């Protein structure tokens, strides 16, 4: 009589869940993580923002390989997803439609720190079935942080990130944490207690920062005001403010160049 031996793992736990093969992302920041942790064949669609040069957080050459959606229920369902990844704000109609069809929706917050960004990377990589890739991406972020700490000056300098419309990140933001890592003091802390604010030109003129960090591609009349025109500037692309995750690495590089 033949005896068959069945691995104990299968007896106790059943079959391993397969990685999702039709992922739809409706958030550009999650697209940036998926670029590093998912197989291209797993992605059924990404956010339309990722194909917009003004809003993308990924290379356009990568984004243009995939179909896009604007997050409406009709567009998302048409892609026949097995998993939908979204930011914290999803249209109620989309949520309701996905629930009716038993399509899994995972909503993820906007990370406001390096630690939160790394946690989100691990979560997304596990959802795709590639936790090892999330760990590898976090290791690259840790290396960029270590290099920034090793090369920053011992004396901090003030800098103000001023983006289109006069928007500036204040205390409690990821940008505030990155400025500190790069050897800067966030000058916005003298102007506001809010995480994001639009300080008046009068407030900036009262205590002008030694350095403005602005997006050189932004055509904003406010940034060319005489009050600001004379202040030294260094480039800091707006896309580096829109997401954490993989963007932490080029953001630290840009701040390091500005500090130098």
C-alpha atoms as a PDB file:
ATOM      1  CA  UNK A   1       0.000   0.000   0.000  1.00  0.00           C
ATOM      2  CA  UNK A   2       1.444   3.349  -1.061  1.00  0.00           C
ATOM      3  CA  UNK A   3       1.829   6.153   1.434  1.00  0.00           C
ATOM      4  CA  UNK A   4       1.573   9.779   0.405  1.00  0.00           C
ATOM      5  CA  UNK A   5       3.315  12.474   2.354  1.00  0.00           C
ATOM      6  CA  UNK A   6       1.728  15.915   2.293  1.00  0.00           C
ATOM      7  CA  UNK A   7       3.822  18.883   3.444  1.00  0.00           C
ATOM      8  CA  UNK A   8       2.765  20.058   6.888  1.00  0.00           C
ATOM      9  CA  UNK A   9       2.556  23.657   5.640  1.00  0.00           C
ATOM     10  CA  UNK A  10      -0.284  22.741   3.291  1.00  0.00           C
ATOM     11  CA  UNK A  11      -2.094  20.771   5.973  1.00  0.00           C
ATOM     12  CA  UNK A  12      -2.060  23.587   8.496  1.00  0.00           C
ATOM     13  CA  UNK A  13      -2.456  26.626   6.341  1.00  0.00           C
ATOM     14  CA  UNK A  14      -4.048  25.683   3.027  1.00  0.00           C
ATOM     15  CA  UNK A  15      -2.885  27.067  -0.349  1.00  0.00           C
ATOM     16  CA  UNK A  16      -0.900  30.288  -0.345  1.00  0.00           C
ATOM     17  CA  UNK A  17      -2.786  33.307  -1.651  1.00  0.00           C
ATOM     18  CA  UNK A  18      -1.670  34.326  -5.125  1.00  0.00           C
ATOM     19  CA  UNK A  19      -0.404  37.845  -5.719  1.00  0.00           C
ATOM     20  CA  UNK A  20      -3.111  40.056  -7.296  1.00  0.00           C
ATOM     21  CA  UNK A  21      -2.775  40.189 -11.068  1.00  0.00           C
ATOM     22  CA  UNK A  22      -5.105  43.071 -11.918  1.00  0.00           C
ATOM     23  CA  UNK A  23      -4.245  46.042  -9.694  1.00  0.00           C
ATOM     24  CA  UNK A  24      -5.781  49.442 -10.344  1.00  0.00           C
ATOM     25  CA  UNK A  25      -4.202  52.427  -8.598  1.00  0.00           C
ATOM     26  CA  UNK A  26      -6.136  55.695  -8.479  1.00  0.00           C
ATOM     27  CA  UNK A  27      -3.490  57.639  -6.546  1.00  0.00           C
ATOM     28  CA  UNK A  28      -0.262  58.981  -8.114  1.00  0.00           C
ATOM     29  CA  UNK A  29       1.750  58.574  -4.903  1.00  0.00           C
ATOM     30  CA  UNK A  30       0.860  54.893  -4.799  1.00  0.00           C
ATOM     31  CA  UNK A  31       1.838  54.641  -8.468  1.00  0.00           C
ATOM     32  CA  UNK A  32       5.317  55.777  -7.437  1.00  0.00           C
ATOM     33  CA  UNK A  33       5.585  52.915  -4.949  1.00  0.00           C
ATOM     34  CA  UNK A  34       4.105  50.374  -7.362  1.00  0.00           C
ATOM     35  CA  UNK A  35       6.740  51.270  -9.920  1.00  0.00           C
ATOM     36  CA  UNK A  36       9.340  49.836  -7.525  1.00  0.00           C
ATOM     37  CA  UNK A  37       7.503  46.893  -5.982  1.00  0.00           C
ATOM     38  CA  UNK A  38       4.999  45.492  -8.513  1.00  0.00           C
ATOM     39  CA  UNK A  39       5.481  43.547 -11.719  1.00  0.00           C
ATOM     40  CA  UNK A  40       4.301  45.622 -14.695  1.00  0.00           C
ATOM     41  CA  UNK A  41       1.979  42.766 -15.674  1.00  0.00           C
ATOM     42  CA  UNK A  42       0.167  43.157 -12.331  1.00  0.00           C
ATOM     43  CA  UNK A  43      -0.925  46.729 -13.106  1.00  0.00           C
ATOM     44  CA  UNK A  44      -4.209  47.052 -14.945  1.00  0.00           C
ATOM     45  CA  UNK A  45      -4.325  50.854 -14.682  1.00  0.00           C
ATOM     46  CA  UNK A  46      -2.730  53.764 -12.823  1.00  0.00           C
ATOM     47  CA  UNK A  47      -3.819  57.292 -11.917  1.00  0.00           C
ATOM     48  CA  UNK A  48      -4.261  59.794 -14.745  1.00  0.00           C
ATOM     49  CA  UNK A  49      -2.150  62.246 -12.738  1.00  0.00           C
ATOM     50  CA  UNK A  50       0.898  60.070 -13.373  1.00  0.00           C
ATOM     51  CA  UNK A  51       0.728  60.918 -17.089  1.00  0.00           C
ATOM     52  CA  UNK A  52       0.459  64.663 -16.393  1.00  0.00           C
ATOM     53  CA  UNK A  53       3.932  66.287 -16.545  1.00  0.00           C
ATOM     54  CA  UNK A  54       2.801  68.876 -13.967  1.00  0.00           C
ATOM     55  CA  UNK A  55       1.580  66.320 -11.424  1.00  0.00           C
ATOM     56  CA  UNK A  56       3.426  63.067 -11.953  1.00  0.00           C
ATOM     57  CA  UNK A  57       5.658  61.507  -9.315  1.00  0.00           C
ATOM     58  CA  UNK A  58       6.996  58.865 -11.709  1.00  0.00           C
ATOM     59  CA  UNK A  59       8.923  59.056 -14.997  1.00  0.00           C
ATOM     60  CA  UNK A  60       6.517  59.694 -17.854  1.00  0.00           C
ATOM     61  CA  UNK A  61       8.150  56.940 -19.905  1.00  0.00           C
ATOM     62  CA  UNK A  62       7.055  54.448 -17.231  1.00  0.00           C
ATOM     63  CA  UNK A  63       3.592  55.930 -16.718  1.00  0.00           C
ATOM     64  CA  UNK A  64       2.804  55.967 -20.429  1.00  0.00           C
ATOM     65  CA  UNK A  65       3.095  52.182 -20.547  1.00  0.00           C
ATOM     66  CA  UNK A  66      -0.195  51.747 -18.682  1.00  0.00           C
ATOM     67  CA  UNK A  67      -3.880  52.573 -19.103  1.00  0.00           C
ATOM     68  CA  UNK A  68      -5.135  55.319 -16.784  1.00  0.00           C
ATOM     69  CA  UNK A  69      -8.319  56.159 -14.915  1.00  0.00           C
ATOM     70  CA  UNK A  70      -9.562  59.280 -13.153  1.00  0.00           C
ATOM     71  CA  UNK A  71     -10.988  57.140 -10.356  1.00  0.00           C
ATOM     72  CA  UNK A  72     -14.631  57.017 -11.439  1.00  0.00           C
ATOM     73  CA  UNK A  73     -16.532  53.818 -10.733  1.00  0.00           C
ATOM     74  CA  UNK A  74     -17.128  53.158 -14.440  1.00  0.00           C
ATOM     75  CA  UNK A  75     -13.456  53.500 -15.383  1.00  0.00           C
ATOM     76  CA  UNK A  76     -12.180  51.421 -12.483  1.00  0.00           C
ATOM     77  CA  UNK A  77     -14.666  48.576 -12.945  1.00  0.00           C
ATOM     78  CA  UNK A  78     -13.967  48.483 -16.691  1.00  0.00           C
ATOM     79  CA  UNK A  79     -10.403  47.433 -15.878  1.00  0.00           C
ATOM     80  CA  UNK A  80     -11.759  44.320 -14.067  1.00  0.00           C
ATOM     81  CA  UNK A  81      -9.511  44.770 -11.012  1.00  0.00           C
ATOM     82  CA  UNK A  82      -8.927  42.252  -8.252  1.00  0.00           C
ATOM     83  CA  UNK A  83      -7.416  44.996  -6.063  1.00  0.00           C
ATOM     84  CA  UNK A  84      -7.907  48.768  -6.071  1.00  0.00           C
ATOM     85  CA  UNK A  85      -5.404  50.987  -4.263  1.00  0.00           C
ATOM     86  CA  UNK A  86      -6.443  54.523  -3.369  1.00  0.00           C
ATOM     87  CA  UNK A  87      -5.576  57.501  -1.228  1.00  0.00           C
ATOM     88  CA  UNK A  88      -7.770  58.606   1.690  1.00  0.00           C
ATOM     89  CA  UNK A  89     -10.312  60.381  -0.519  1.00  0.00           C
ATOM     90  CA  UNK A  90     -12.412  58.194  -2.808  1.00  0.00           C
ATOM     91  CA  UNK A  91     -15.729  59.132  -4.390  1.00  0.00           C
ATOM     92  CA  UNK A  92     -18.622  57.492  -2.485  1.00  0.00           C
ATOM     93  CA  UNK A  93     -20.037  56.202  -5.778  1.00  0.00           C
ATOM     94  CA  UNK A  94     -16.787  54.370  -6.492  1.00  0.00           C
ATOM     95  CA  UNK A  95     -16.714  52.834  -3.016  1.00  0.00           C
ATOM     96  CA  UNK A  96     -20.326  51.693  -3.312  1.00  0.00           C
ATOM     97  CA  UNK A  97     -19.818  50.170  -6.768  1.00  0.00           C
ATOM     98  CA  UNK A  98     -16.713  48.264  -5.689  1.00  0.00           C
ATOM     99  CA  UNK A  99     -18.483  46.930  -2.606  1.00  0.00           C
ATOM    100  CA  UNK A 100     -21.421  45.685  -4.688  1.00  0.00           C
ATOM    101  CA  UNK A 101     -19.026  43.764  -6.924  1.00  0.00           C
ATOM    102  CA  UNK A 102     -16.909  42.471  -4.020  1.00  0.00           C
ATOM    103  CA  UNK A 103     -13.788  44.152  -5.398  1.00  0.00           C
ATOM    104  CA  UNK A 104     -11.202  44.765  -2.717  1.00  0.00           C
ATOM    105  CA  UNK A 105     -10.447  48.427  -2.048  1.00  0.00           C
ATOM    106  CA  UNK A 106      -7.506  49.469   0.125  1.00  0.00           C
ATOM    107  CA  UNK A 107      -7.344  53.153   1.124  1.00  0.00           C
ATOM    108  CA  UNK A 108      -3.985  54.414   2.347  1.00  0.00           C
ATOM    109  CA  UNK A 109      -3.216  57.718   4.102  1.00  0.00           C
ATOM    110  CA  UNK A 110      -0.885  60.451   2.882  1.00  0.00           C
ATOM    111  CA  UNK A 111       2.344  59.896   4.852  1.00  0.00           C
ATOM    112  CA  UNK A 112       3.560  62.938   6.787  1.00  0.00           C
ATOM    113  CA  UNK A 113       6.907  61.518   7.904  1.00  0.00           C
ATOM    114  CA  UNK A 114       9.720  59.263   6.758  1.00  0.00           C
ATOM    115  CA  UNK A 115       8.580  56.544   9.153  1.00  0.00           C
ATOM    116  CA  UNK A 116       5.025  56.661   7.789  1.00  0.00           C
ATOM    117  CA  UNK A 117       6.348  56.544   4.227  1.00  0.00           C
ATOM    118  CA  UNK A 118       8.422  53.456   4.950  1.00  0.00           C
ATOM    119  CA  UNK A 119       5.461  51.752   6.617  1.00  0.00           C
ATOM    120  CA  UNK A 120       3.329  52.467   3.558  1.00  0.00           C
ATOM    121  CA  UNK A 121       5.975  51.051   1.236  1.00  0.00           C
ATOM    122  CA  UNK A 122       5.989  47.795   3.191  1.00  0.00           C
ATOM    123  CA  UNK A 123       2.181  47.638   3.130  1.00  0.00           C
ATOM    124  CA  UNK A 124       1.945  48.215  -0.619  1.00  0.00           C
ATOM    125  CA  UNK A 125       4.716  45.730  -1.354  1.00  0.00           C
ATOM    126  CA  UNK A 126       2.964  43.070   0.714  1.00  0.00           C
ATOM    127  CA  UNK A 127      -0.293  43.727  -1.099  1.00  0.00           C
ATOM    128  CA  UNK A 128       1.466  43.107  -4.411  1.00  0.00           C
ATOM    129  CA  UNK A 129       3.098  39.928  -3.133  1.00  0.00           C
ATOM    130  CA  UNK A 130       6.625  41.377  -3.251  1.00  0.00           C
ATOM    131  CA  UNK A 131       7.497  42.324   0.327  1.00  0.00           C
ATOM    132  CA  UNK A 132      11.191  41.841  -0.438  1.00  0.00           C
ATOM    133  CA  UNK A 133      11.078  44.699  -2.940  1.00  0.00           C
ATOM    134  CA  UNK A 134       9.548  47.006  -0.357  1.00  0.00           C
ATOM    135  CA  UNK A 135      12.344  46.145   2.060  1.00  0.00           C
ATOM    136  CA  UNK A 136      14.919  46.850  -0.658  1.00  0.00           C
ATOM    137  CA  UNK A 137      13.354  50.247  -1.423  1.00  0.00           C
ATOM    138  CA  UNK A 138      13.361  51.161   2.268  1.00  0.00           C
ATOM    139  CA  UNK A 139      17.030  50.166   2.452  1.00  0.00           C
ATOM    140  CA  UNK A 140      17.775  52.663  -0.337  1.00  0.00           C
ATOM    141  CA  UNK A 141      15.859  55.352   1.557  1.00  0.00           C
ATOM    142  CA  UNK A 142      17.840  54.548   4.718  1.00  0.00           C
ATOM    143  CA  UNK A 143      21.079  54.846   2.742  1.00  0.00           C
ATOM    144  CA  UNK A 144      20.053  58.269   1.408  1.00  0.00           C
ATOM    145  CA  UNK A 145      19.190  59.407   4.948  1.00  0.00           C
ATOM    146  CA  UNK A 146      22.521  58.159   6.300  1.00  0.00           C
ATOM    147  CA  UNK A 147      24.415  59.965   3.545  1.00  0.00           C
ATOM    148  CA  UNK A 148      22.487  63.169   4.197  1.00  0.00           C
ATOM    149  CA  UNK A 149      23.325  63.017   7.908  1.00  0.00           C
ATOM    150  CA  UNK A 150      26.976  62.277   7.201  1.00  0.00           C
ATOM    151  CA  UNK A 151      27.457  65.195   4.808  1.00  0.00           C
ATOM    152  CA  UNK A 152      25.308  67.928   6.333  1.00  0.00           C
ATOM    153  CA  UNK A 153      26.958  70.927   7.921  1.00  0.00           C
ATOM    154  CA  UNK A 154      27.072  71.142  11.695  1.00  0.00           C
ATOM    155  CA  UNK A 155      25.502  74.591  11.575  1.00  0.00           C
ATOM    156  CA  UNK A 156      21.948  74.794  10.265  1.00  0.00           C
ATOM    157  CA  UNK A 157      20.872  77.443   7.763  1.00  0.00           C
ATOM    158  CA  UNK A 158      17.361  78.810   7.270  1.00  0.00           C
ATOM    159  CA  UNK A 159      15.492  77.981   4.068  1.00  0.00           C
ATOM    160  CA  UNK A 160      11.910  78.461   2.931  1.00  0.00           C
ATOM    161  CA  UNK A 161      10.208  76.139   0.463  1.00  0.00           C
ATOM    162  CA  UNK A 162       7.870  78.352  -1.547  1.00  0.00           C
ATOM    163  CA  UNK A 163       5.837  76.730  -4.268  1.00  0.00           C
ATOM    164  CA  UNK A 164       3.163  77.829  -6.727  1.00  0.00           C
ATOM    165  CA  UNK A 165       0.582  80.130  -5.167  1.00  0.00           C
ATOM    166  CA  UNK A 166       2.888  80.827  -2.226  1.00  0.00           C
ATOM    167  CA  UNK A 167       2.220  77.458  -0.595  1.00  0.00           C
ATOM    168  CA  UNK A 168       4.812  76.429   1.963  1.00  0.00           C
ATOM    169  CA  UNK A 169       5.158  73.309   4.154  1.00  0.00           C
ATOM    170  CA  UNK A 170       5.297  74.064   7.846  1.00  0.00           C
ATOM    171  CA  UNK A 171       5.849  72.031  11.013  1.00  0.00           C
ATOM    172  CA  UNK A 172       4.684  68.442  11.106  1.00  0.00           C
ATOM    173  CA  UNK A 173       5.194  67.778   7.396  1.00  0.00           C
ATOM    174  CA  UNK A 174       7.501  65.383   5.611  1.00  0.00           C
ATOM    175  CA  UNK A 175       9.198  68.350   3.919  1.00  0.00           C
ATOM    176  CA  UNK A 176       9.939  69.867   7.339  1.00  0.00           C
ATOM    177  CA  UNK A 177      11.618  66.621   8.416  1.00  0.00           C
ATOM    178  CA  UNK A 178      13.649  66.429   5.198  1.00  0.00           C
ATOM    179  CA  UNK A 179      14.852  70.012   5.590  1.00  0.00           C
ATOM    180  CA  UNK A 180      16.198  69.194   9.048  1.00  0.00           C
ATOM    181  CA  UNK A 181      17.951  66.078   7.760  1.00  0.00           C
ATOM    182  CA  UNK A 182      19.638  68.138   5.052  1.00  0.00           C
ATOM    183  CA  UNK A 183      20.978  70.668   7.539  1.00  0.00           C
ATOM    184  CA  UNK A 184      18.331  73.382   7.193  1.00  0.00           C
ATOM    185  CA  UNK A 185      15.953  75.089   9.587  1.00  0.00           C
ATOM    186  CA  UNK A 186      12.517  75.430   8.064  1.00  0.00           C
ATOM    187  CA  UNK A 187      11.938  79.185   7.895  1.00  0.00           C
ATOM    188  CA  UNK A 188       8.196  78.526   7.618  1.00  0.00           C
ATOM    189  CA  UNK A 189       8.191  77.779  11.344  1.00  0.00           C
ATOM    190  CA  UNK A 190       8.615  81.525  11.946  1.00  0.00           C
ATOM    191  CA  UNK A 191       5.624  82.274   9.720  1.00  0.00           C
ATOM    192  CA  UNK A 192       3.017  79.666  10.613  1.00  0.00           C
ATOM    193  CA  UNK A 193       2.078  76.893  12.978  1.00  0.00           C
ATOM    194  CA  UNK A 194       0.068  75.081  10.293  1.00  0.00           C
ATOM    195  CA  UNK A 195       1.357  72.073   8.354  1.00  0.00           C
ATOM    196  CA  UNK A 196       0.585  73.905   5.094  1.00  0.00           C
ATOM    197  CA  UNK A 197       0.033  77.620   4.722  1.00  0.00           C
ATOM    198  CA  UNK A 198       0.363  80.600   2.377  1.00  0.00           C
ATOM    199  CA  UNK A 199       2.354  83.253   4.249  1.00  0.00           C
ATOM    200  CA  UNK A 200       1.893  86.854   3.188  1.00  0.00           C
ATOM    201  CA  UNK A 201       4.644  88.689   1.353  1.00  0.00           C
ATOM    202  CA  UNK A 202       4.709  91.164   4.263  1.00  0.00           C
ATOM    203  CA  UNK A 203       5.448  88.341   6.701  1.00  0.00           C
ATOM    204  CA  UNK A 204       8.266  87.017   4.529  1.00  0.00           C
ATOM    205  CA  UNK A 205       9.716  90.505   4.041  1.00  0.00           C
ATOM    206  CA  UNK A 206       9.798  91.080   7.801  1.00  0.00           C
ATOM    207  CA  UNK A 207      12.263  88.208   8.250  1.00  0.00           C
ATOM    208  CA  UNK A 208      13.475  87.194   4.771  1.00  0.00           C
ATOM    209  CA  UNK A 209      15.062  83.724   4.663  1.00  0.00           C
ATOM    210  CA  UNK A 210      18.647  83.399   3.370  1.00  0.00           C
ATOM    211  CA  UNK A 211      17.464  80.879   0.775  1.00  0.00           C
ATOM    212  CA  UNK A 212      14.270  80.196  -1.160  1.00  0.00           C
ATOM    213  CA  UNK A 213      13.624  76.701  -2.514  1.00  0.00           C
ATOM    214  CA  UNK A 214      11.369  77.013  -5.552  1.00  0.00           C
ATOM    215  CA  UNK A 215      10.393  75.077  -8.647  1.00  0.00           C
ATOM    216  CA  UNK A 216      12.252  76.668 -11.590  1.00  0.00           C
ATOM    217  CA  UNK A 217       9.573  75.468 -14.020  1.00  0.00           C
ATOM    218  CA  UNK A 218       6.753  77.255 -12.188  1.00  0.00           C
ATOM    219  CA  UNK A 219       5.508  80.456 -13.795  1.00  0.00           C
ATOM    220  CA  UNK A 220       4.083  82.252 -10.775  1.00  0.00           C
ATOM    221  CA  UNK A 221       3.871  86.038 -10.594  1.00  0.00           C
ATOM    222  CA  UNK A 222       4.078  85.910  -6.817  1.00  0.00           C
ATOM    223  CA  UNK A 223       7.551  84.338  -6.960  1.00  0.00           C
ATOM    224  CA  UNK A 224       8.746  87.246  -9.112  1.00  0.00           C
ATOM    225  CA  UNK A 225       7.525  89.911  -6.689  1.00  0.00           C
ATOM    226  CA  UNK A 226      10.259  92.453  -5.825  1.00  0.00           C
ATOM    227  CA  UNK A 227      10.146  91.300  -2.191  1.00  0.00           C
ATOM    228  CA  UNK A 228      11.245  87.826  -3.245  1.00  0.00           C
ATOM    229  CA  UNK A 229      13.213  88.518  -6.415  1.00  0.00           C
ATOM    230  CA  UNK A 230      16.384  89.538  -4.589  1.00  0.00           C
ATOM    231  CA  UNK A 231      16.535  86.454  -2.360  1.00  0.00           C
ATOM    232  CA  UNK A 232      18.965  83.650  -3.299  1.00  0.00           C
ATOM    233  CA  UNK A 233      17.230  80.586  -4.729  1.00  0.00           C
ATOM    234  CA  UNK A 234      17.890  76.927  -5.289  1.00  0.00           C
ATOM    235  CA  UNK A 235      15.747  74.517  -7.320  1.00  0.00           C
ATOM    236  CA  UNK A 236      13.324  72.203  -5.553  1.00  0.00           C
ATOM    237  CA  UNK A 237      10.787  70.670  -7.973  1.00  0.00           C
ATOM    238  CA  UNK A 238       7.171  70.695  -6.810  1.00  0.00           C
ATOM    239  CA  UNK A 239       6.801  66.983  -7.553  1.00  0.00           C
ATOM    240  CA  UNK A 240       9.170  66.264  -4.660  1.00  0.00           C
ATOM    241  CA  UNK A 241       6.578  67.739  -2.289  1.00  0.00           C
ATOM    242  CA  UNK A 242       3.612  65.778  -3.573  1.00  0.00           C
ATOM    243  CA  UNK A 243       4.527  62.324  -2.280  1.00  0.00           C
ATOM    244  CA  UNK A 244       6.807  60.579   0.158  1.00  0.00           C
ATOM    245  CA  UNK A 245       7.940  57.037  -0.513  1.00  0.00           C
ATOM    246  CA  UNK A 246      10.535  56.793  -3.293  1.00  0.00           C
ATOM    247  CA  UNK A 247      10.506  60.592  -3.693  1.00  0.00           C
ATOM    248  CA  UNK A 248      12.403  60.902  -0.408  1.00  0.00           C
ATOM    249  CA  UNK A 249      15.603  59.885  -2.192  1.00  0.00           C
ATOM    250  CA  UNK A 250      15.629  62.612  -4.907  1.00  0.00           C
ATOM    251  CA  UNK A 251      14.239  65.149  -2.415  1.00  0.00           C
ATOM    252  CA  UNK A 252      17.228  64.641  -0.119  1.00  0.00           C
ATOM    253  CA  UNK A 253      19.569  64.856  -3.108  1.00  0.00           C
ATOM    254  CA  UNK A 254      18.019  68.175  -4.162  1.00  0.00           C
ATOM    255  CA  UNK A 255      18.311  69.569  -0.630  1.00  0.00           C
ATOM    256  CA  UNK A 256      21.903  68.383  -0.362  1.00  0.00           C
ATOM    257  CA  UNK A 257      22.746  70.248  -3.570  1.00  0.00           C
ATOM    258  CA  UNK A 258      21.009  73.362  -2.280  1.00  0.00           C
ATOM    259  CA  UNK A 259      22.911  73.175   1.027  1.00  0.00           C
ATOM    260  CA  UNK A 260      26.221  72.819  -0.784  1.00  0.00           C
END
